[in-house]
Amino acid sequence: MRELYRYLQYRLQLFSKIFEEHNALDHEIIRLEKDPVTSNVEDIDLLKRKKLKLKDELYVMLKQAETSTE
């Protein structure tokens, strides 16, 4: 039981960290897109790819949690 608690605690911390990172990237992308003159399109695309990767990770974690509670 103790191992399960530690595992869940770790997963929640990891989920929170990834979620915060995803949101930070979202805000940065929005900020950069508001000023296209000084923003580099390649940099924005790179940030979008990173954000998508994080979103995929979050989705996998949510699906795993969903199946473990059924």
Protein backbone atom coordinates (compact mmCIF):
# COMPACT_ATOMS: atom_id res chain seq x y z
CA MET A 1 0.00 0.00 0.00
CA ARG A 2 2.84 2.37 0.82
CA GLU A 3 4.37 1.79 -2.62
CA LEU A 4 1.07 2.64 -4.30
CA TYR A 5 0.85 5.86 -2.30
CA ARG A 6 4.38 6.86 -3.31
CA TYR A 7 3.67 5.99 -6.93
CA LEU A 8 0.48 8.06 -7.01
CA GLN A 9 2.17 10.96 -5.27
CA TYR A 10 4.99 10.86 -7.83
CA ARG A 11 2.53 10.68 -10.76
CA LEU A 12 0.54 13.65 -9.42
CA GLN A 13 3.69 15.72 -9.03
CA LEU A 14 4.80 14.77 -12.52
CA PHE A 15 1.37 15.58 -13.98
CA SER A 16 1.37 18.98 -12.25
CA LYS A 17 4.86 19.77 -13.52
CA ILE A 18 3.99 18.84 -17.11
CA PHE A 19 0.70 20.74 -16.91
CA GLU A 20 2.47 23.89 -15.67
CA GLU A 21 5.09 23.57 -18.41
CA HIS A 22 2.33 23.18 -21.02
CA ASN A 23 0.57 26.31 -19.77
CA ALA A 24 3.81 28.31 -19.68
CA LEU A 25 4.52 27.36 -23.30
CA ASP A 26 0.97 28.32 -24.24
CA HIS A 27 1.41 31.79 -22.73
CA GLU A 28 4.80 32.22 -24.41
CA ILE A 29 3.40 31.21 -27.81
CA ILE A 30 0.51 33.66 -27.44
CA ARG A 31 2.93 36.43 -26.44
CA LEU A 32 5.19 35.75 -29.41
CA GLU A 33 2.31 35.53 -31.88
CA LYS A 34 1.03 38.94 -30.78
CA ASP A 35 4.27 40.51 -32.04
CA PRO A 36 5.04 38.77 -35.34
CA VAL A 37 7.55 41.46 -36.36
CA THR A 38 10.07 40.54 -33.68
CA SER A 39 9.13 36.87 -33.41
CA ASN A 40 10.85 34.11 -35.31
CA VAL A 41 8.40 31.67 -36.94
CA GLU A 42 10.78 28.76 -36.41
CA ASP A 43 10.98 29.52 -32.67
CA ILE A 44 7.19 29.60 -32.41
CA ASP A 45 6.92 26.31 -34.31
CA LEU A 46 9.47 24.71 -31.98
CA LEU A 47 7.49 25.86 -28.94
CA LYS A 48 4.28 24.52 -30.47
CA ARG A 49 5.90 21.13 -31.03
CA LYS A 50 7.13 21.06 -27.42
CA LYS A 51 3.65 22.01 -26.23
CA LEU A 52 2.07 19.25 -28.31
CA LYS A 53 4.52 16.69 -26.90
CA LEU A 54 3.56 17.73 -23.37
CA LYS A 55 -0.12 17.55 -24.26
CA ASP A 56 0.39 14.00 -25.53
CA GLU A 57 2.13 13.07 -22.27
CA LEU A 58 -0.76 14.53 -20.25
CA TYR A 59 -3.26 12.63 -22.36
CA VAL A 60 -1.46 9.33 -21.78
CA MET A 61 -1.36 9.97 -18.04
CA LEU A 62 -5.07 10.81 -17.98
CA LYS A 63 -5.99 7.69 -19.95
CA GLN A 64 -3.88 5.54 -17.61
CA ALA A 65 -5.57 7.07 -14.58
CA GLU A 66 -8.98 6.58 -16.17
CA THR A 67 -8.40 2.88 -16.87
CA SER A 68 -6.97 2.27 -13.39
CA THR A 69 -10.11 3.68 -11.74
CA GLU A 70 -12.55 1.57 -13.74
